[in-house]
Amino acid sequence: MKKILSYPLSVIYFIFFGLLLVIFHPIQWICHNLLGYQAHKKSVDILNWFLMRSLLLLGTTVSFRNPHKIATNQPCIIVTNHQSMYDISPIVWHMRKHHPKFISKKELGKGIPSISYNLRHGGSALIDRKDKEQAFKEILKVANYAKENNRSVVIFPEGTRSRDGKPKRFQTGGLKILLKKIPNATVVPISINNSWKTLRYGKFPMGIGTHITFDVHTPIGARDLPPDELIAKIEETISSHINY
């Protein structure tokens, strides 16, 4: 019965989702080209608030639990597990004071209204996962940008999303670059639960009635531990708070 109900709700959701992307694409263009970075960022923040809230059309709710006061006058490295594309909007909105920039696969950089535009022009990195040299240069570029402008970089060290919620082993190369190039960063581990359930049936219909949770763990200074020890601690912290 739940899956049957998900078909009409998914149609309504995708119409609303698509309209948001189409409407905000020219808004982003105007903000970016005529009004500058802050206006563009504001438009992206508002878009992601709407994208996050649109999940209510599926009976899906989001809880973002962050009991920590994280300084906004220095860069952050936000490290989190990855379960679906619906991980993105809550991070953008709830971490907006930290100006999050994403390390994303290059395929997302074209063809998607609003999303592709922001990835290309908002300061994020678009990497070719088959080209290690290109990926290294992109991560290096976003690291330098974050360090110079007090931005944050969001990285999903698992590499690809988990389709069943079970955490994957970290691929540590990109994270090591960020730790080395942004030594003054605050590392912010986040555990995401239940986002994968939005895609439990595949791309269509959507899973409905899900409660997605984001738990922000105690921030750690990038210099507090040797890199390998720090990464191991981050991975253990994130993984131990994932329910599957």
Protein backbone atom coordinates (compact mmCIF):
# COMPACT_ATOMS: atom_id res chain seq x y z
CA MET A 1 0.00 0.00 0.00
CA LYS A 2 2.81 2.40 0.90
CA LYS A 3 4.52 1.84 -2.45
CA ILE A 4 1.25 2.36 -4.34
CA LEU A 5 0.75 5.69 -2.56
CA SER A 6 4.30 6.69 -3.40
CA TYR A 7 3.55 6.85 -7.16
CA PRO A 8 1.19 9.87 -7.16
CA LEU A 9 3.16 11.58 -4.39
CA SER A 10 6.38 11.13 -6.38
CA VAL A 11 4.81 12.73 -9.47
CA ILE A 12 3.73 15.75 -7.42
CA TYR A 13 7.16 15.94 -5.79
CA PHE A 14 9.10 15.78 -9.06
CA ILE A 15 6.94 18.51 -10.62
CA PHE A 16 7.58 20.78 -7.65
CA PHE A 17 11.29 19.86 -7.54
CA GLY A 18 11.72 20.58 -11.26
CA LEU A 19 9.89 23.90 -11.02
CA LEU A 20 12.19 25.01 -8.21
CA LEU A 21 15.29 24.27 -10.27
CA VAL A 22 13.92 26.04 -13.34
CA ILE A 23 12.75 29.10 -11.38
CA PHE A 24 15.98 29.52 -9.43
CA HIS A 25 18.30 29.08 -12.41
CA PRO A 26 17.79 32.61 -13.81
CA ILE A 27 17.67 33.99 -10.26
CA GLN A 28 21.12 32.51 -9.66
CA TRP A 29 22.40 33.89 -12.96
CA ILE A 30 21.20 37.41 -12.12
CA CYS A 31 22.61 37.25 -8.60
CA HIS A 32 25.97 35.86 -9.71
CA ASN A 33 26.52 38.13 -12.72
CA LEU A 34 24.96 41.38 -11.52
CA LEU A 35 25.02 41.34 -7.71
CA GLY A 36 28.06 39.28 -6.76
CA TYR A 37 28.99 36.39 -4.49
CA GLN A 38 26.86 37.17 -1.44
CA ALA A 39 23.68 37.57 -3.47
CA HIS A 40 24.40 34.37 -5.39
CA LYS A 41 25.03 32.51 -2.15
CA LYS A 42 21.77 33.81 -0.67
CA SER A 43 19.84 32.59 -3.71
CA VAL A 44 21.44 29.14 -3.37
CA ASP A 45 20.64 29.02 0.35
CA ILE A 46 16.98 29.83 -0.29
CA LEU A 47 16.77 27.29 -3.12
CA ASN A 48 18.11 24.58 -0.85
CA TRP A 49 15.66 25.49 1.90
CA PHE A 50 12.83 24.94 -0.58
CA LEU A 51 14.40 21.70 -1.86
CA MET A 52 14.71 20.40 1.69
CA ARG A 53 11.16 21.38 2.64
CA SER A 54 9.73 19.92 -0.57
CA LEU A 55 10.43 16.46 0.88
CA LEU A 56 7.37 17.06 3.05
CA LEU A 57 5.33 16.31 -0.08
CA LEU A 58 6.57 12.73 0.36
CA GLY A 59 5.86 12.70 4.08
CA THR A 60 9.62 12.87 4.64
CA THR A 61 11.04 15.01 7.43
CA VAL A 62 14.57 16.19 8.15
CA SER A 63 16.22 16.68 11.55
CA PHE A 64 19.58 18.43 11.64
CA ARG A 65 21.10 18.21 15.10
CA ASN A 66 24.07 20.47 15.72
CA PRO A 67 24.69 21.30 19.41
CA HIS A 68 28.11 22.81 18.69
CA LYS A 69 29.14 26.43 18.22
CA ILE A 70 31.50 26.30 15.26
CA ALA A 71 33.57 29.38 14.51
CA THR A 72 32.69 31.13 11.26
CA ASN A 73 35.96 33.08 10.98
CA GLN A 74 37.97 30.09 9.77
CA PRO A 75 37.48 27.36 7.17
CA CYS A 76 35.84 24.01 7.89
CA ILE A 77 36.24 20.57 6.39
CA ILE A 78 32.83 18.92 6.62
CA VAL A 79 33.19 15.14 6.45
CA THR A 80 30.10 12.97 6.12
CA ASN A 81 28.80 9.67 4.86
CA HIS A 82 26.76 9.71 1.66
CA GLN A 83 23.41 8.03 1.09
CA SER A 84 21.61 10.03 -1.60
CA MET A 85 21.35 13.37 -3.38
CA TYR A 86 19.01 14.40 -0.58
CA ASP A 87 22.03 14.70 1.70
CA ILE A 88 22.95 17.96 0.02
CA SER A 89 20.21 20.50 0.69
CA PRO A 90 20.11 20.15 4.50
CA ILE A 91 23.89 20.61 4.66
CA VAL A 92 23.76 23.70 2.43
CA TRP A 93 20.95 25.25 4.49
CA HIS A 94 21.95 24.34 8.03
CA MET A 95 25.67 24.97 7.49
CA ARG A 96 25.08 28.12 5.41
CA LYS A 97 27.05 30.35 7.81
CA HIS A 98 30.12 28.31 6.87
CA HIS A 99 29.72 28.70 3.08
CA PRO A 100 29.86 24.97 2.18
CA LYS A 101 31.45 24.03 -1.16
CA PHE A 102 31.20 20.49 -2.45
CA ILE A 103 33.57 18.03 -4.04
CA SER A 104 31.30 16.53 -6.71
CA LYS A 105 31.64 14.32 -9.74
CA LYS A 106 32.06 16.32 -12.94
CA GLU A 107 28.89 14.86 -14.48
CA LEU A 108 26.82 17.03 -12.15
CA GLY A 109 28.39 20.16 -13.60
CA LYS A 110 26.17 20.25 -16.66
CA GLY A 111 22.60 19.60 -17.67
CA ILE A 112 20.84 20.17 -14.34
CA PRO A 113 19.18 23.59 -13.94
CA SER A 114 20.34 25.54 -10.86
CA ILE A 115 22.42 22.67 -9.46
CA SER A 116 24.97 22.55 -12.30
CA TYR A 117 25.17 26.34 -12.39
CA ASN A 118 25.96 26.57 -8.69
CA LEU A 119 28.57 23.81 -8.85
CA ARG A 120 30.33 25.58 -11.73
CA HIS A 121 30.14 29.13 -10.37
CA GLY A 122 29.74 28.81 -6.61
CA GLY A 123 33.25 27.64 -5.74
CA SER A 124 32.80 23.86 -5.66
CA ALA A 125 35.13 21.26 -7.19
CA LEU A 126 34.07 19.05 -10.09
CA ILE A 127 36.27 15.97 -10.30
CA ASP A 128 36.75 13.25 -12.87
CA ARG A 129 36.91 10.07 -10.84
CA LYS A 130 38.74 8.34 -13.69
CA ASP A 131 41.45 11.03 -13.87
CA LYS A 132 43.46 11.20 -10.65
CA GLU A 133 45.55 14.16 -11.79
CA GLN A 134 42.48 16.23 -12.67
CA ALA A 135 40.81 15.28 -9.39
CA PHE A 136 43.93 16.25 -7.43
CA LYS A 137 44.07 19.67 -9.10
CA GLU A 138 40.38 20.35 -8.45
CA ILE A 139 40.62 19.39 -4.78
CA LEU A 140 43.77 21.49 -4.44
CA LYS A 141 41.97 24.44 -6.02
CA VAL A 142 38.95 24.24 -3.71
CA ALA A 143 41.25 23.79 -0.70
CA ASN A 144 43.17 26.95 -1.53
CA TYR A 145 39.92 28.81 -2.16
CA ALA A 146 38.53 27.72 1.21
CA LYS A 147 41.70 28.67 3.06
CA GLU A 148 41.92 32.11 1.46
CA ASN A 149 38.22 32.97 1.85
CA ASN A 150 37.19 31.15 5.07
CA ARG A 151 34.87 28.82 3.20
CA SER A 152 34.05 25.20 4.02
CA VAL A 153 34.61 22.12 1.90
CA VAL A 154 32.18 19.21 2.08
CA ILE A 155 33.67 15.83 1.24
CA PHE A 156 32.08 12.38 1.08
CA PRO A 157 35.11 10.12 1.57
CA GLU A 158 33.15 6.96 0.77
CA GLY A 159 33.38 8.04 -2.88
CA THR A 160 29.91 6.82 -3.87
CA ARG A 161 26.62 6.72 -2.03
CA SER A 162 25.51 3.79 0.06
CA ARG A 163 22.36 2.21 -1.38
CA ASP A 164 21.37 0.46 1.85
CA GLY A 165 22.69 2.83 4.51
CA LYS A 166 25.65 0.63 5.37
CA PRO A 167 28.81 2.78 5.64
CA LYS A 168 31.61 2.18 3.14
CA ARG A 169 35.30 2.38 3.86
CA PHE A 170 36.79 5.86 3.45
CA GLN A 171 38.89 6.65 0.42
CA THR A 172 41.34 8.94 2.15
CA GLY A 173 43.22 10.65 -0.69
CA GLY A 174 41.02 13.73 -1.06
CA LEU A 175 40.63 14.20 2.68
CA LYS A 176 44.39 14.05 3.19
CA ILE A 177 44.84 16.83 0.63
CA LEU A 178 42.32 19.02 2.42
CA LEU A 179 43.92 18.42 5.84
CA LYS A 180 47.34 19.27 4.46
CA LYS A 181 46.32 22.36 2.51
CA ILE A 182 43.91 23.82 5.11
CA PRO A 183 45.83 23.19 8.36
CA ASN A 184 43.83 25.86 10.25
CA ALA A 185 40.51 24.20 9.40
CA THR A 186 37.96 22.87 11.84
CA VAL A 187 36.97 19.33 10.86
CA VAL A 188 33.23 18.75 11.28
CA PRO A 189 32.09 15.09 11.17
CA ILE A 190 28.42 14.45 10.32
CA SER A 191 26.49 11.17 10.35
CA ILE A 192 23.52 10.90 7.98
CA ASN A 193 20.79 8.32 8.53
CA ASN A 194 17.85 7.18 6.40
CA SER A 195 18.53 9.37 3.37
CA TRP A 196 18.98 6.18 1.30
CA LYS A 197 15.36 5.27 2.00
CA THR A 198 14.18 8.04 -0.33
CA LEU A 199 15.55 5.84 -3.14
CA ARG A 200 14.57 2.47 -1.70
CA TYR A 201 12.55 1.67 -4.87
CA GLY A 202 15.09 3.19 -7.26
CA LYS A 203 14.70 6.57 -8.93
CA PHE A 204 10.91 6.16 -9.24
CA PRO A 205 8.78 6.03 -7.23
CA MET A 206 10.35 7.78 -4.27
CA GLY A 207 10.36 6.26 -0.81
CA ILE A 208 7.85 8.04 1.41
CA GLY A 209 7.42 8.64 5.12
CA THR A 210 11.12 8.76 5.90
CA HIS A 211 12.78 10.61 8.78
CA ILE A 212 16.26 11.71 7.64
CA THR A 213 18.64 12.68 10.42
CA PHE A 214 21.90 14.60 10.43
CA ASP A 215 24.04 14.45 13.57
CA VAL A 216 26.96 16.87 13.84
CA HIS A 217 29.70 15.47 16.05
CA THR A 218 32.32 17.27 18.10
CA PRO A 219 34.52 19.38 15.78
CA ILE A 220 38.23 18.58 15.68
CA GLY A 221 41.16 20.81 14.72
CA ALA A 222 42.94 19.65 11.57
CA ARG A 223 46.22 19.81 13.49
CA ASP A 224 44.99 18.04 16.64
CA LEU A 225 46.15 14.58 15.52
CA PRO A 226 48.45 13.11 12.85
CA PRO A 227 46.49 12.84 9.53
CA ASP A 228 46.05 9.04 9.50
CA GLU A 229 45.01 8.97 13.15
CA LEU A 230 42.63 11.90 12.63
CA ILE A 231 40.99 10.29 9.59
CA ALA A 232 40.57 7.00 11.45
CA LYS A 233 38.91 8.83 14.34
CA ILE A 234 36.58 10.73 12.01
CA GLU A 235 35.60 7.55 10.16
CA GLU A 236 34.93 5.67 13.39
CA THR A 237 32.86 8.56 14.78
CA ILE A 238 30.70 8.86 11.67
CA SER A 239 30.27 5.11 11.13
CA SER A 240 29.41 4.32 14.74
CA HIS A 241 26.41 6.66 14.54
CA ILE A 242 24.94 5.19 11.34
CA ASN A 243 21.98 2.87 11.77
CA TYR A 244 21.53 0.14 9.16
